[in-house]
Amino acid sequence: AEAKKNWDLFYKRNSDHFFKDRHWLTREFKAIRLLDEAGSGVVFEVGCGVGNTIYPLLEECPTLFFYGCDLSPELLTWSRAIRTTIKTRSAVFPCDITCPEP
């Protein structure tokens, strides 16, 4: 609960201007590019925040589908509102991976 509160506060102060989009990922992680070249694949990001990883990859890898989860539901709502153009190839949802399901 404390971590969620702190991340919500961080993004309330910084919006999406703190972390830059990660356009370098396909250069550093060749497996992502190989999945895309194979014609299909799924990538799952834990702690996706406002989408600084997922959204550049959506642009660079047209055959992949991306899932992302984050601790903060508020943050994900904000992320979805900004990036509404690529809904068919991505899905984000709130999840605290440190807590077991009830």
Protein backbone atom coordinates (compact mmCIF):
# COMPACT_ATOMS: atom_id res chain seq x y z
CA ALA A 1 0.00 0.00 0.00
CA GLU A 2 2.86 2.37 0.80
CA ALA A 3 4.60 1.75 -2.55
CA LYS A 4 1.40 2.44 -4.48
CA LYS A 5 0.87 5.68 -2.56
CA ASN A 6 4.45 6.79 -3.26
CA TRP A 7 4.26 6.05 -7.00
CA ASP A 8 0.93 7.88 -7.26
CA LEU A 9 2.53 10.88 -5.55
CA PHE A 10 5.59 10.69 -7.81
CA TYR A 11 3.53 10.76 -11.00
CA LYS A 12 1.22 13.43 -9.63
CA ARG A 13 4.30 15.65 -9.26
CA ASN A 14 6.14 14.62 -12.44
CA SER A 15 3.39 13.62 -14.87
CA ASP A 16 4.99 11.66 -17.72
CA HIS A 17 7.93 14.04 -18.03
CA PHE A 18 10.37 12.20 -15.77
CA PHE A 19 11.07 8.97 -17.66
CA LYS A 20 11.83 9.14 -21.38
CA ASP A 21 10.40 6.73 -23.94
CA ARG A 22 12.81 3.84 -24.39
CA HIS A 23 13.47 3.79 -28.13
CA TRP A 24 16.68 1.78 -27.67
CA LEU A 25 15.15 -1.50 -26.47
CA THR A 26 15.20 -3.39 -29.78
CA ARG A 27 18.92 -2.61 -30.13
CA GLU A 28 19.75 -3.92 -26.65
CA PHE A 29 17.31 -6.84 -26.51
CA LYS A 30 17.58 -8.64 -29.84
CA ALA A 31 14.98 -11.23 -28.78
CA ILE A 32 12.24 -8.60 -29.07
CA ARG A 33 13.20 -7.88 -32.67
CA LEU A 34 13.41 -11.62 -33.42
CA LEU A 35 9.88 -12.15 -32.07
CA ASP A 36 8.63 -9.37 -34.31
CA GLU A 37 10.45 -10.76 -37.36
CA ALA A 38 8.90 -14.18 -36.67
CA GLY A 39 5.50 -12.60 -37.27
CA SER A 40 3.92 -12.90 -33.85
CA GLY A 41 4.62 -12.80 -30.18
CA VAL A 42 3.54 -11.47 -26.83
CA VAL A 43 5.56 -9.29 -24.46
CA PHE A 44 4.59 -8.72 -20.82
CA GLU A 45 6.01 -5.82 -18.83
CA VAL A 46 5.73 -5.69 -15.05
CA GLY A 47 5.78 -2.12 -13.74
CA CYS A 48 4.81 -0.49 -17.02
CA GLY A 49 4.11 2.94 -15.55
CA VAL A 50 2.86 5.36 -18.19
CA GLY A 51 4.08 3.16 -21.04
CA ASN A 52 7.60 4.44 -21.73
CA THR A 53 8.62 0.92 -22.75
CA ILE A 54 5.47 -0.49 -24.31
CA TYR A 55 4.56 2.39 -26.61
CA PRO A 56 7.93 2.77 -28.39
CA LEU A 57 7.93 -1.00 -28.92
CA LEU A 58 4.43 -0.87 -30.37
CA GLU A 59 5.74 1.56 -32.97
CA GLU A 60 8.86 -0.49 -33.75
CA CYS A 61 7.35 -4.00 -33.66
CA PRO A 62 4.10 -4.12 -35.63
CA THR A 63 3.44 -7.85 -35.18
CA LEU A 64 3.72 -8.03 -31.38
CA PHE A 65 1.05 -7.74 -28.69
CA PHE A 66 1.99 -6.14 -25.37
CA TYR A 67 0.60 -6.62 -21.87
CA GLY A 68 1.60 -4.35 -19.05
CA CYS A 69 0.74 -4.19 -15.38
CA ASP A 70 1.46 -1.60 -12.75
CA LEU A 71 0.85 -1.10 -9.07
CA SER A 72 -1.11 2.12 -9.65
CA PRO A 73 -4.57 1.93 -11.25
CA GLU A 74 -4.63 5.75 -11.37
CA LEU A 75 -1.42 5.79 -13.37
CA LEU A 76 -2.74 3.23 -15.85
CA THR A 77 -5.91 5.26 -16.41
CA TRP A 78 -3.77 8.27 -17.17
CA SER A 79 -1.57 6.22 -19.49
CA ARG A 80 -4.58 4.86 -21.41
CA ALA A 81 -6.01 8.35 -21.87
CA ILE A 82 -2.80 9.59 -23.47
CA ARG A 83 -2.10 6.61 -25.69
CA THR A 84 -5.54 5.81 -27.09
CA THR A 85 -4.36 5.15 -30.64
CA ILE A 86 -2.88 1.67 -30.10
CA LYS A 87 -5.55 -0.23 -28.19
CA THR A 88 -5.77 -3.25 -30.47
CA ARG A 89 -2.21 -4.43 -29.76
CA SER A 90 -1.84 -3.72 -26.07
CA ALA A 91 -3.59 -4.12 -22.74
CA VAL A 92 -2.63 -2.72 -19.36
CA PHE A 93 -4.09 -3.58 -15.98
CA PRO A 94 -3.45 -2.87 -12.30
CA CYS A 95 -1.65 -5.55 -10.34
CA ASP A 96 0.47 -5.72 -7.22
CA ILE A 97 2.73 -8.67 -7.98
CA THR A 98 3.94 -8.79 -4.37
CA CYS A 99 0.48 -9.79 -3.10
CA PRO A 100 -1.08 -13.19 -3.73
CA GLU A 101 -4.57 -13.29 -5.19
CA PRO A 102 -7.33 -13.54 -2.55
